């Protein structure tokens, strides 16, 4: 079905647009760890 993959890509795109992460190929770099942790705990 591919819905899980689509959901993950959408989530990563949102995080990237918010400046929390950066992606390059399969690599994901955390840019703002504190904000990302705060988001995870909400």
PDB file of N, CA and C in Angstrom:
ATOM      1  N   UNK A   1       0.804  -1.192   0.000  1.00  0.00           N
ATOM      2  CA  UNK A   1       0.000   0.000   0.000  1.00  0.00           C
ATOM      3  C   UNK A   1       0.850   1.260   0.000  1.00  0.00           C
ATOM      4  N   UNK A   2       1.907   1.286   0.786  1.00  0.00           N
ATOM      5  CA  UNK A   2       2.783   2.436   0.786  1.00  0.00           C
ATOM      6  C   UNK A   2       2.361   3.580   1.679  1.00  0.00           C
ATOM      7  N   UNK A   3       1.295   3.415   2.442  1.00  0.00           N
ATOM      8  CA  UNK A   3       0.823   4.536   3.270  1.00  0.00           C
ATOM      9  C   UNK A   3       1.792   4.862   4.401  1.00  0.00           C
ATOM     10  N   UNK A   4       2.460   3.868   4.959  1.00  0.00           N
ATOM     11  CA  UNK A   4       3.423   4.125   6.027  1.00  0.00           C
ATOM     12  C   UNK A   4       4.597   4.937   5.483  1.00  0.00           C
ATOM     13  N   UNK A   5       5.079   4.584   4.313  1.00  0.00           N
ATOM     14  CA  UNK A   5       6.182   5.319   3.693  1.00  0.00           C
ATOM     15  C   UNK A   5       5.767   6.753   3.401  1.00  0.00           C
ATOM     16  N   UNK A   6       4.567   6.936   2.874  1.00  0.00           N
ATOM     17  CA  UNK A   6       4.072   8.284   2.573  1.00  0.00           C
ATOM     18  C   UNK A   6       3.943   9.109   3.841  1.00  0.00           C
ATOM     19  N   UNK A   7       3.462   8.496   4.925  1.00  0.00           N
ATOM     20  CA  UNK A   7       3.314   9.204   6.197  1.00  0.00           C
ATOM     21  C   UNK A   7       4.678   9.625   6.742  1.00  0.00           C
ATOM     22  N   UNK A   8       5.657   8.749   6.650  1.00  0.00           N
ATOM     23  CA  UNK A   8       7.005   9.070   7.120  1.00  0.00           C
ATOM     24  C   UNK A   8       7.602  10.214   6.309  1.00  0.00           C
ATOM     25  N   UNK A   9       7.476  10.162   5.008  1.00  0.00           N
ATOM     26  CA  UNK A   9       8.009  11.218   4.150  1.00  0.00           C
ATOM     27  C   UNK A   9       7.337  12.549   4.463  1.00  0.00           C
ATOM     28  N   UNK A  10       6.041  12.532   4.680  1.00  0.00           N
ATOM     29  CA  UNK A  10       5.302  13.751   5.023  1.00  0.00           C
ATOM     30  C   UNK A  10       5.788  14.310   6.353  1.00  0.00           C
ATOM     31  N   UNK A  11       5.995  13.449   7.331  1.00  0.00           N
ATOM     32  CA  UNK A  11       6.478  13.861   8.649  1.00  0.00           C
ATOM     33  C   UNK A  11       7.882  14.456   8.560  1.00  0.00           C
ATOM     34  N   UNK A  12       8.772  13.806   7.839  1.00  0.00           N
ATOM     35  CA  UNK A  12      10.134  14.310   7.675  1.00  0.00           C
ATOM     36  C   UNK A  12      10.139  15.653   6.951  1.00  0.00           C
ATOM     37  N   UNK A  13       9.281  15.797   5.966  1.00  0.00           N
ATOM     38  CA  UNK A  13       9.169  17.062   5.241  1.00  0.00           C
ATOM     39  C   UNK A  13       8.721  18.176   6.167  1.00  0.00           C
ATOM     40  N   UNK A  14       7.737  17.896   7.013  1.00  0.00           N
ATOM     41  CA  UNK A  14       7.262  18.898   7.974  1.00  0.00           C
ATOM     42  C   UNK A  14       8.369  19.305   8.936  1.00  0.00           C
ATOM     43  N   UNK A  15       9.115  18.336   9.454  1.00  0.00           N
ATOM     44  CA  UNK A  15      10.209  18.623  10.378  1.00  0.00           C
ATOM     45  C   UNK A  15      11.315  19.435   9.692  1.00  0.00           C
ATOM     46  N   UNK A  16      11.546  19.136   8.435  1.00  0.00           N
ATOM     47  CA  UNK A  16      12.556  19.862   7.672  1.00  0.00           C
ATOM     48  C   UNK A  16      12.117  21.309   7.440  1.00  0.00           C
ATOM     49  N   UNK A  17      10.857  21.510   7.092  1.00  0.00           N
ATOM     50  CA  UNK A  17      10.333  22.856   6.861  1.00  0.00           C
ATOM     51  C   UNK A  17      10.365  23.699   8.133  1.00  0.00           C
ATOM     52  N   UNK A  18      10.236  23.055   9.295  1.00  0.00           N
ATOM     53  CA  UNK A  18      10.277  23.764  10.577  1.00  0.00           C
ATOM     54  C   UNK A  18      11.710  24.012  11.050  1.00  0.00           C
ATOM     55  N   UNK A  19      12.684  23.516  10.300  1.00  0.00           N
ATOM     56  CA  UNK A  19      14.082  23.741  10.638  1.00  0.00           C
ATOM     57  C   UNK A  19      14.593  22.855  11.757  1.00  0.00           C
ATOM     58  N   UNK A  20      13.891  21.754  12.023  1.00  0.00           N
ATOM     59  CA  UNK A  20      14.306  20.848  13.090  1.00  0.00           C
ATOM     60  C   UNK A  20      15.308  19.810  12.615  1.00  0.00           C
ATOM     61  N   UNK A  21      15.228  19.437  11.340  1.00  0.00           N
ATOM     62  CA  UNK A  21      16.131  18.442  10.773  1.00  0.00           C
ATOM     63  C   UNK A  21      16.578  18.878   9.386  1.00  0.00           C
ATOM     64  N   UNK A  22      17.599  18.213   8.889  1.00  0.00           N
ATOM     65  CA  UNK A  22      18.031  18.370   7.512  1.00  0.00           C
ATOM     66  C   UNK A  22      18.243  16.966   6.962  1.00  0.00           C
ATOM     67  N   UNK A  23      17.921  16.761   5.717  1.00  0.00           N
ATOM     68  CA  UNK A  23      18.100  15.439   5.115  1.00  0.00           C
ATOM     69  C   UNK A  23      18.957  15.551   3.870  1.00  0.00           C
ATOM     70  N   UNK A  24      19.726  14.498   3.653  1.00  0.00           N
ATOM     71  CA  UNK A  24      20.540  14.390   2.454  1.00  0.00           C
ATOM     72  C   UNK A  24      20.593  12.914   2.115  1.00  0.00           C
ATOM     73  N   UNK A  25      19.849  12.526   1.103  1.00  0.00           N
ATOM     74  CA  UNK A  25      19.745  11.108   0.777  1.00  0.00           C
ATOM     75  C   UNK A  25      19.088  10.373   1.931  1.00  0.00           C
ATOM     76  N   UNK A  26      19.762   9.374   2.462  1.00  0.00           N
ATOM     77  CA  UNK A  26      19.235   8.615   3.597  1.00  0.00           C
ATOM     78  C   UNK A  26      19.694   9.161   4.941  1.00  0.00           C
ATOM     79  N   UNK A  27      20.538  10.182   4.923  1.00  0.00           N
ATOM     80  CA  UNK A  27      21.051  10.762   6.159  1.00  0.00           C
ATOM     81  C   UNK A  27      20.089  11.816   6.692  1.00  0.00           C
ATOM     82  N   UNK A  28      19.887  11.789   7.999  1.00  0.00           N
ATOM     83  CA  UNK A  28      19.052  12.777   8.673  1.00  0.00           C
ATOM     84  C   UNK A  28      19.909  13.427   9.750  1.00  0.00           C
ATOM     85  N   UNK A  29      19.995  14.756   9.712  1.00  0.00           N
ATOM     86  CA  UNK A  29      20.784  15.492  10.691  1.00  0.00           C
ATOM     87  C   UNK A  29      19.842  16.335  11.543  1.00  0.00           C
ATOM     88  N   UNK A  30      19.963  16.228  12.846  1.00  0.00           N
ATOM     89  CA  UNK A  30      19.139  16.999  13.770  1.00  0.00           C
ATOM     90  C   UNK A  30      19.743  18.390  13.900  1.00  0.00           C
ATOM     91  N   UNK A  31      18.934  19.415  13.647  1.00  0.00           N
ATOM     92  CA  UNK A  31      19.400  20.791  13.705  1.00  0.00           C
ATOM     93  C   UNK A  31      19.015  21.475  15.007  1.00  0.00           C
ATOM     94  N   UNK A  32      17.875  21.090  15.572  1.00  0.00           N
ATOM     95  CA  UNK A  32      17.403  21.727  16.809  1.00  0.00           C
ATOM     96  C   UNK A  32      16.888  20.642  17.749  1.00  0.00           C
ATOM     97  N   UNK A  33      17.818  20.050  18.500  1.00  0.00           N
ATOM     98  CA  UNK A  33      17.498  18.915  19.368  1.00  0.00           C
ATOM     99  C   UNK A  33      16.474  19.288  20.440  1.00  0.00           C
ATOM    100  N   UNK A  34      16.615  20.451  21.047  1.00  0.00           N
ATOM    101  CA  UNK A  34      15.703  20.853  22.120  1.00  0.00           C
ATOM    102  C   UNK A  34      14.272  20.982  21.623  1.00  0.00           C
ATOM    103  N   UNK A  35      14.076  21.639  20.500  1.00  0.00           N
ATOM    104  CA  UNK A  35      12.711  21.789  19.963  1.00  0.00           C
ATOM    105  C   UNK A  35      12.148  20.440  19.532  1.00  0.00           C
ATOM    106  N   UNK A  36      12.990  19.576  18.981  1.00  0.00           N
ATOM    107  CA  UNK A  36      12.545  18.261  18.544  1.00  0.00           C
ATOM    108  C   UNK A  36      12.115  17.422  19.751  1.00  0.00           C
ATOM    109  N   UNK A  37      12.890  17.489  20.855  1.00  0.00           N
ATOM    110  CA  UNK A  37      12.521  16.764  22.061  1.00  0.00           C
ATOM    111  C   UNK A  37      11.228  17.309  22.651  1.00  0.00           C
ATOM    112  N   UNK A  38      11.058  18.617  22.647  1.00  0.00           N
ATOM    113  CA  UNK A  38       9.846  19.227  23.158  1.00  0.00           C
ATOM    114  C   UNK A  38       8.635  18.778  22.337  1.00  0.00           C
ATOM    115  N   UNK A  39       8.788  18.735  21.025  1.00  0.00           N
ATOM    116  CA  UNK A  39       7.714  18.277  20.145  1.00  0.00           C
ATOM    117  C   UNK A  39       7.362  16.812  20.420  1.00  0.00           C
ATOM    118  N   UNK A  40       8.377  15.997  20.697  1.00  0.00           N
ATOM    119  CA  UNK A  40       8.166  14.571  20.944  1.00  0.00           C
ATOM    120  C   UNK A  40       7.401  14.324  22.244  1.00  0.00           C
ATOM    121  N   UNK A  41       7.559  15.213  23.219  1.00  0.00           N
ATOM    122  CA  UNK A  41       6.906  15.035  24.502  1.00  0.00           C
ATOM    123  C   UNK A  41       5.497  15.615  24.569  1.00  0.00           C
ATOM    124  N   UNK A  42       5.062  16.260  23.519  1.00  0.00           N
ATOM    125  CA  UNK A  42       3.691  16.827  23.494  1.00  0.00           C
ATOM    126  C   UNK A  42       2.697  15.841  22.976  1.00  0.00           C
TER     127      UNK A  42
END
